[in-house]
C-alpha atoms as a PDB file:
ATOM      1  CA  MET A   1      13.856   2.616  35.694  1.00  0.00           C
ATOM      2  CA  VAL A   2      16.298   3.839  33.053  1.00  0.00           C
ATOM      3  CA  ASN A   3      14.991   5.394  29.844  1.00  0.00           C
ATOM      4  CA  LYS A   4      16.783   3.622  26.984  1.00  0.00           C
ATOM      5  CA  VAL A   5      15.013   5.536  24.230  1.00  0.00           C
ATOM      6  CA  ARG A   6      17.024   8.431  22.784  1.00  0.00           C
ATOM      7  CA  LEU A   7      14.896  10.153  20.160  1.00  0.00           C
ATOM      8  CA  ASP A   8      17.403  13.002  20.061  1.00  0.00           C
ATOM      9  CA  LEU A   9      19.729  10.533  18.287  1.00  0.00           C
ATOM     10  CA  TYR A  10      17.211   9.775  15.514  1.00  0.00           C
ATOM     11  CA  GLN A  11      18.401  10.434  11.993  1.00  0.00           C
ATOM     12  CA  GLN A  12      17.558   9.064   8.565  1.00  0.00           C
ATOM     13  CA  THR A  13      20.544  10.108   6.484  1.00  0.00           C
ATOM     14  CA  GLU A  14      20.652   6.679   4.798  1.00  0.00           C
ATOM     15  CA  TYR A  15      17.016   6.906   3.630  1.00  0.00           C
ATOM     16  CA  SER A  16      16.147   8.403   0.252  1.00  0.00           C
ATOM     17  CA  ARG A  17      12.654   9.687  -0.470  1.00  0.00           C
ATOM     18  CA  GLY A  18      13.492   9.338  -4.152  1.00  0.00           C
ATOM     19  CA  ARG A  19      12.863  12.948  -5.188  1.00  0.00           C
ATOM     20  CA  SER A  20      13.876  16.413  -4.087  1.00  0.00           C
ATOM     21  CA  GLY A  21      12.019  18.242  -1.350  1.00  0.00           C
ATOM     22  CA  ILE A  22      10.481  20.642  -3.877  1.00  0.00           C
ATOM     23  CA  VAL A  23       9.031  17.754  -5.946  1.00  0.00           C
ATOM     24  CA  ILE A  24       7.639  16.174  -2.786  1.00  0.00           C
ATOM     25  CA  LEU A  25       5.979  19.435  -1.725  1.00  0.00           C
ATOM     26  CA  LEU A  26       4.603  19.925  -5.248  1.00  0.00           C
ATOM     27  CA  TRP A  27       3.128  16.400  -5.195  1.00  0.00           C
ATOM     28  CA  TRP A  28       1.535  16.959  -1.790  1.00  0.00           C
ATOM     29  CA  PHE A  29       0.004  20.213  -3.061  1.00  0.00           C
ATOM     30  CA  ILE A  30      -1.326  18.552  -6.264  1.00  0.00           C
ATOM     31  CA  GLN A  31      -2.654  15.593  -4.276  1.00  0.00           C
ATOM     32  CA  GLY A  32      -4.434  17.902  -1.826  1.00  0.00           C
ATOM     33  CA  THR A  33      -6.070  19.954  -4.576  1.00  0.00           C
ATOM     34  CA  LEU A  34      -6.322  18.744  -8.191  1.00  0.00           C
ATOM     35  CA  PHE A  35      -6.286  15.059  -7.258  1.00  0.00           C
ATOM     36  CA  ARG A  36      -8.445  15.231  -4.120  1.00  0.00           C
ATOM     37  CA  PHE A  37     -11.162  17.472  -5.524  1.00  0.00           C
ATOM     38  CA  SER A  38     -11.489  15.760  -8.917  1.00  0.00           C
ATOM     39  CA  LEU A  39     -14.930  14.423  -9.773  1.00  0.00           C
ATOM     40  CA  HIS A  40     -15.902  10.842  -8.960  1.00  0.00           C
ATOM     41  CA  ASN A  41     -15.493   9.435 -12.471  1.00  0.00           C
ATOM     42  CA  MET A  42     -12.203  11.218 -13.325  1.00  0.00           C
ATOM     43  CA  TYR A  43     -10.154   8.026 -12.978  1.00  0.00           C
ATOM     44  CA  ARG A  44      -7.977   8.702 -16.012  1.00  0.00           C
ATOM     45  CA  TRP A  45      -7.177  12.202 -14.704  1.00  0.00           C
ATOM     46  CA  ARG A  46      -5.991  10.825 -11.359  1.00  0.00           C
ATOM     47  CA  SER A  47      -3.945   8.104 -13.082  1.00  0.00           C
ATOM     48  CA  TRP A  48      -2.390  10.759 -15.330  1.00  0.00           C
ATOM     49  CA  LEU A  49      -1.426  12.913 -12.337  1.00  0.00           C
ATOM     50  CA  LEU A  50       0.157   9.937 -10.586  1.00  0.00           C
ATOM     51  CA  LYS A  51       2.080   9.006 -13.748  1.00  0.00           C
ATOM     52  CA  LYS A  52       3.380  12.582 -14.036  1.00  0.00           C
ATOM     53  CA  PHE A  53       4.917  12.065 -10.601  1.00  0.00           C
ATOM     54  CA  GLY A  54       6.504   8.732 -11.523  1.00  0.00           C
ATOM     55  CA  ALA A  55       3.903   6.135 -10.551  1.00  0.00           C
ATOM     56  CA  GLN A  56       3.492   3.202 -12.909  1.00  0.00           C
ATOM     57  CA  ILE A  57      -0.245   2.834 -13.509  1.00  0.00           C
ATOM     58  CA  GLY A  58      -1.717   0.188 -15.828  1.00  0.00           C
ATOM     59  CA  ARG A  59      -4.728   0.303 -18.134  1.00  0.00           C
ATOM     60  CA  GLY A  60      -8.247   0.559 -16.739  1.00  0.00           C
ATOM     61  CA  VAL A  61      -7.149   1.370 -13.186  1.00  0.00           C
ATOM     62  CA  LEU A  62      -9.801   3.010 -10.992  1.00  0.00           C
ATOM     63  CA  ILE A  63      -8.433   5.178  -8.183  1.00  0.00           C
ATOM     64  CA  ARG A  64     -10.784   7.105  -5.927  1.00  0.00           C
ATOM     65  CA  ALA A  65     -10.065  10.789  -5.255  1.00  0.00           C
ATOM     66  CA  THR A  66      -9.620  10.247  -1.513  1.00  0.00           C
ATOM     67  CA  ALA A  67      -6.757   7.734  -1.906  1.00  0.00           C
ATOM     68  CA  LYS A  68      -3.427   9.098  -0.649  1.00  0.00           C
ATOM     69  CA  PHE A  69       0.072   8.404  -1.933  1.00  0.00           C
ATOM     70  CA  THR A  70       3.084   9.502   0.122  1.00  0.00           C
ATOM     71  CA  TYR A  71       5.592   9.045  -2.727  1.00  0.00           C
ATOM     72  CA  PRO A  72       3.849   8.024  -5.990  1.00  0.00           C
ATOM     73  CA  TRP A  73       7.164   7.275  -7.729  1.00  0.00           C
ATOM     74  CA  LYS A  74       7.440   4.234  -5.442  1.00  0.00           C
ATOM     75  CA  VAL A  75       4.052   2.816  -6.518  1.00  0.00           C
ATOM     76  CA  LYS A  76       3.200   0.376  -9.328  1.00  0.00           C
ATOM     77  CA  ILE A  77      -0.412  -0.622 -10.056  1.00  0.00           C
ATOM     78  CA  GLY A  78      -1.247  -3.228 -12.701  1.00  0.00           C
ATOM     79  CA  ASP A  79      -4.061  -3.290 -15.246  1.00  0.00           C
ATOM     80  CA  HIS A  80      -7.732  -3.131 -14.183  1.00  0.00           C
ATOM     81  CA  SER A  81      -7.084  -2.783 -10.453  1.00  0.00           C
ATOM     82  CA  TRP A  82      -9.325  -0.770  -8.142  1.00  0.00           C
ATOM     83  CA  ILE A  83      -8.200   1.524  -5.334  1.00  0.00           C
ATOM     84  CA  GLY A  84     -11.009   2.488  -2.943  1.00  0.00           C
ATOM     85  CA  ASP A  85     -11.784   5.564  -0.880  1.00  0.00           C
ATOM     86  CA  ASN A  86      -9.282   6.609   1.782  1.00  0.00           C
ATOM     87  CA  VAL A  87      -6.702   3.965   0.877  1.00  0.00           C
ATOM     88  CA  GLN A  88      -3.324   5.078   2.249  1.00  0.00           C
ATOM     89  CA  PHE A  89      -0.190   4.230   0.275  1.00  0.00           C
ATOM     90  CA  TYR A  90       2.498   4.930   2.893  1.00  0.00           C
ATOM     91  CA  SER A  91       5.115   4.345   0.225  1.00  0.00           C
ATOM     92  CA  LEU A  92       8.438   4.898   1.962  1.00  0.00           C
ATOM     93  CA  ASP A  93       9.424   1.756   0.031  1.00  0.00           C
ATOM     94  CA  GLU A  94       7.866   0.183  -3.066  1.00  0.00           C
ATOM     95  CA  ILE A  95       4.221  -0.818  -3.146  1.00  0.00           C
ATOM     96  CA  ILE A  96       3.449  -3.105  -6.062  1.00  0.00           C
ATOM     97  CA  ILE A  97      -0.175  -3.933  -6.899  1.00  0.00           C
ATOM     98  CA  GLY A  98      -0.768  -6.557  -9.598  1.00  0.00           C
ATOM     99  CA  ASN A  99      -3.456  -6.855 -12.259  1.00  0.00           C
ATOM    100  CA  HIS A 100      -7.156  -7.188 -11.376  1.00  0.00           C
ATOM    101  CA  CYS A 101      -6.617  -6.422  -7.668  1.00  0.00           C
ATOM    102  CA  VAL A 102      -9.013  -4.677  -5.311  1.00  0.00           C
ATOM    103  CA  ILE A 103      -7.707  -2.532  -2.477  1.00  0.00           C
ATOM    104  CA  SER A 104     -10.866  -1.607  -0.593  1.00  0.00           C
ATOM    105  CA  GLN A 105     -11.722   1.546   1.333  1.00  0.00           C
ATOM    106  CA  ASN A 106      -9.806   2.625   4.426  1.00  0.00           C
ATOM    107  CA  THR A 107      -6.949   0.180   3.838  1.00  0.00           C
ATOM    108  CA  TYR A 108      -3.483   1.237   5.036  1.00  0.00           C
ATOM    109  CA  LEU A 109      -0.493  -0.140   3.115  1.00  0.00           C
ATOM    110  CA  CYS A 110       2.445   0.613   5.411  1.00  0.00           C
ATOM    111  CA  THR A 111       6.009   0.152   4.113  1.00  0.00           C
ATOM    112  CA  GLY A 112       7.721   1.972   6.964  1.00  0.00           C
ATOM    113  CA  SER A 113       8.096   1.655  10.692  1.00  0.00           C
ATOM    114  CA  HIS A 114      10.836   1.932  13.310  1.00  0.00           C
ATOM    115  CA  LYS A 115      13.173  -0.555  14.944  1.00  0.00           C
ATOM    116  CA  ILE A 116      11.511  -1.140  18.286  1.00  0.00           C
ATOM    117  CA  ASP A 117      14.704  -2.276  20.036  1.00  0.00           C
ATOM    118  CA  ASP A 118      16.882   0.581  18.755  1.00  0.00           C
ATOM    119  CA  PRO A 119      17.263   3.404  21.293  1.00  0.00           C
ATOM    120  CA  SER A 120      17.386   5.949  18.439  1.00  0.00           C
ATOM    121  CA  PHE A 121      14.171   4.508  16.896  1.00  0.00           C
ATOM    122  CA  ALA A 122      15.850   3.937  13.496  1.00  0.00           C
ATOM    123  CA  LEU A 123      13.663   3.841  10.401  1.00  0.00           C
ATOM    124  CA  SER A 124      12.828   0.400   8.996  1.00  0.00           C
ATOM    125  CA  ILE A 125      11.313   0.027   5.517  1.00  0.00           C
ATOM    126  CA  ASN A 126      10.224  -2.955   3.437  1.00  0.00           C
ATOM    127  CA  PRO A 127       8.154  -3.222   0.235  1.00  0.00           C
ATOM    128  CA  ILE A 128       4.605  -4.534  -0.018  1.00  0.00           C
ATOM    129  CA  VAL A 129       3.546  -6.740  -2.940  1.00  0.00           C
ATOM    130  CA  ILE A 130      -0.086  -7.516  -3.773  1.00  0.00           C
ATOM    131  CA  LYS A 131      -0.146 -10.045  -6.623  1.00  0.00           C
ATOM    132  CA  ASP A 132      -2.671 -10.578  -9.437  1.00  0.00           C
ATOM    133  CA  GLY A 133      -6.297 -11.116  -8.453  1.00  0.00           C
ATOM    134  CA  ALA A 134      -5.785 -10.399  -4.749  1.00  0.00           C
ATOM    135  CA  TRP A 135      -8.364  -8.565  -2.673  1.00  0.00           C
ATOM    136  CA  ILE A 136      -7.552  -6.450   0.345  1.00  0.00           C
ATOM    137  CA  ALA A 137     -10.963  -5.862   1.937  1.00  0.00           C
ATOM    138  CA  SER A 138     -12.137  -2.816   3.904  1.00  0.00           C
ATOM    139  CA  ASP A 139     -10.140  -1.293   6.738  1.00  0.00           C
ATOM    140  CA  VAL A 140      -7.140  -3.659   6.520  1.00  0.00           C
ATOM    141  CA  PHE A 141      -3.664  -2.792   7.791  1.00  0.00           C
ATOM    142  CA  VAL A 142      -0.815  -4.399   5.806  1.00  0.00           C
ATOM    143  CA  TYR A 143       2.595  -4.497   7.513  1.00  0.00           C
ATOM    144  CA  PRO A 144       5.906  -3.659   5.819  1.00  0.00           C
ATOM    145  CA  GLY A 145       7.407  -6.572   3.887  1.00  0.00           C
ATOM    146  CA  VAL A 146       4.141  -8.477   3.346  1.00  0.00           C
ATOM    147  CA  THR A 147       3.275 -10.243   0.086  1.00  0.00           C
ATOM    148  CA  VAL A 148      -0.318 -11.192  -0.687  1.00  0.00           C
ATOM    149  CA  ASN A 149      -0.008 -13.856  -3.365  1.00  0.00           C
ATOM    150  CA  GLU A 150      -2.249 -14.451  -6.372  1.00  0.00           C
ATOM    151  CA  MET A 151      -5.965 -14.658  -5.527  1.00  0.00           C
ATOM    152  CA  GLY A 152      -5.196 -14.091  -1.834  1.00  0.00           C
ATOM    153  CA  VAL A 153      -7.691 -12.223   0.333  1.00  0.00           C
ATOM    154  CA  ALA A 154      -7.215 -10.189   3.496  1.00  0.00           C
ATOM    155  CA  GLY A 155     -10.639 -10.076   5.160  1.00  0.00           C
ATOM    156  CA  ALA A 156     -12.230  -6.851   6.367  1.00  0.00           C
ATOM    157  CA  ARG A 157     -10.621  -5.194   9.400  1.00  0.00           C
ATOM    158  CA  SER A 158      -7.700  -7.636   9.398  1.00  0.00           C
ATOM    159  CA  THR A 159      -4.132  -6.868  10.351  1.00  0.00           C
ATOM    160  CA  VAL A 160      -1.799  -8.625   7.924  1.00  0.00           C
ATOM    161  CA  THR A 161       1.596  -9.263   9.512  1.00  0.00           C
ATOM    162  CA  LYS A 162       2.659 -12.242   7.369  1.00  0.00           C
ATOM    163  CA  ASP A 163       2.423 -13.264   3.716  1.00  0.00           C
ATOM    164  CA  ILE A 164      -0.888 -14.629   2.455  1.00  0.00           C
ATOM    165  CA  PRO A 165      -0.391 -17.691   0.212  1.00  0.00           C
ATOM    166  CA  TYR A 166      -2.014 -18.265  -3.177  1.00  0.00           C
ATOM    167  CA  ASN A 167      -5.826 -18.516  -3.118  1.00  0.00           C
ATOM    168  CA  GLU A 168      -6.158 -18.259   0.659  1.00  0.00           C
ATOM    169  CA  ILE A 169      -8.451 -16.041   2.722  1.00  0.00           C
ATOM    170  CA  HIS A 170      -6.911 -14.719   5.937  1.00  0.00           C
ATOM    171  CA  VAL A 171      -8.896 -12.791   8.561  1.00  0.00           C
ATOM    172  CA  GLY A 172      -8.460 -11.326  12.013  1.00  0.00           C
ATOM    173  CA  TYR A 173      -5.907  -9.638  14.215  1.00  0.00           C
ATOM    174  CA  PRO A 174      -3.390 -10.884  13.335  1.00  0.00           C
ATOM    175  CA  ALA A 175      -4.768 -12.323  10.102  1.00  0.00           C
ATOM    176  CA  LYS A 176      -4.898 -16.131  10.030  1.00  0.00           C
ATOM    177  CA  PHE A 177      -6.021 -18.717   7.478  1.00  0.00           C
ATOM    178  CA  LEU A 178      -9.797 -19.081   7.181  1.00  0.00           C
ATOM    179  CA  LYS A 179     -10.324 -21.092   3.992  1.00  0.00           C
ATOM    180  CA  LYS A 180      -9.469 -21.340   0.313  1.00  0.00           C
ATOM    181  CA  ARG A 181     -10.964 -18.597  -1.869  1.00  0.00           C
ATOM    182  CA  PHE A 182     -11.761 -20.731  -4.918  1.00  0.00           C
ATOM    183  CA  VAL A 183     -12.265 -24.493  -4.910  1.00  0.00           C
ATOM    184  CA  GLU A 184      -9.592 -25.970  -7.110  1.00  0.00           C
ATOM    185  CA  GLU A 185     -10.787 -28.407  -9.740  1.00  0.00           C
ATOM    186  CA  VAL A 186      -9.174 -31.828  -9.695  1.00  0.00           C
ATOM    187  CA  MET A 187      -8.287 -33.144 -13.131  1.00  0.00           C
ATOM    188  CA  VAL A 188      -8.870 -36.914 -13.532  1.00  0.00           C
END
């Protein structure tokens, strides 16, 4: 059996983290101290810190102190959205959260992976978009490149590998259609 993987050839010279190494280290320090140990109801403080590091945060956003942001300058969160405990924003690429969205506890939003068939294990990144009114329930993993459309739901403990259409609930591993979220009224 021949080993075709050559991790010694790995490089990411084409990838940009978007800020200098010193800014990244400063953010990680702030996140691990002032952000992480802020009191429960200090939502505006946490939003302010994220904005200072380039995140776009809307009005009335509630972000729990245990949420983690790899690169906040690659994150946009719309008005009145909620970010639960231990949500991971692995923001190697953009993560866009719409208005009135819920990202529940222990969710992992993953914008980066590696090319499985590349011997040097090259980096692969794609944005994640969660549109208005969507709900990502507890302990969900969202793959790079996924869009959850308006009013879409990813059920608890699901693994979302494909887009979720408007007003649909998807559950499981991998997440599949369960039912419509809201019954649509028929106009006569």
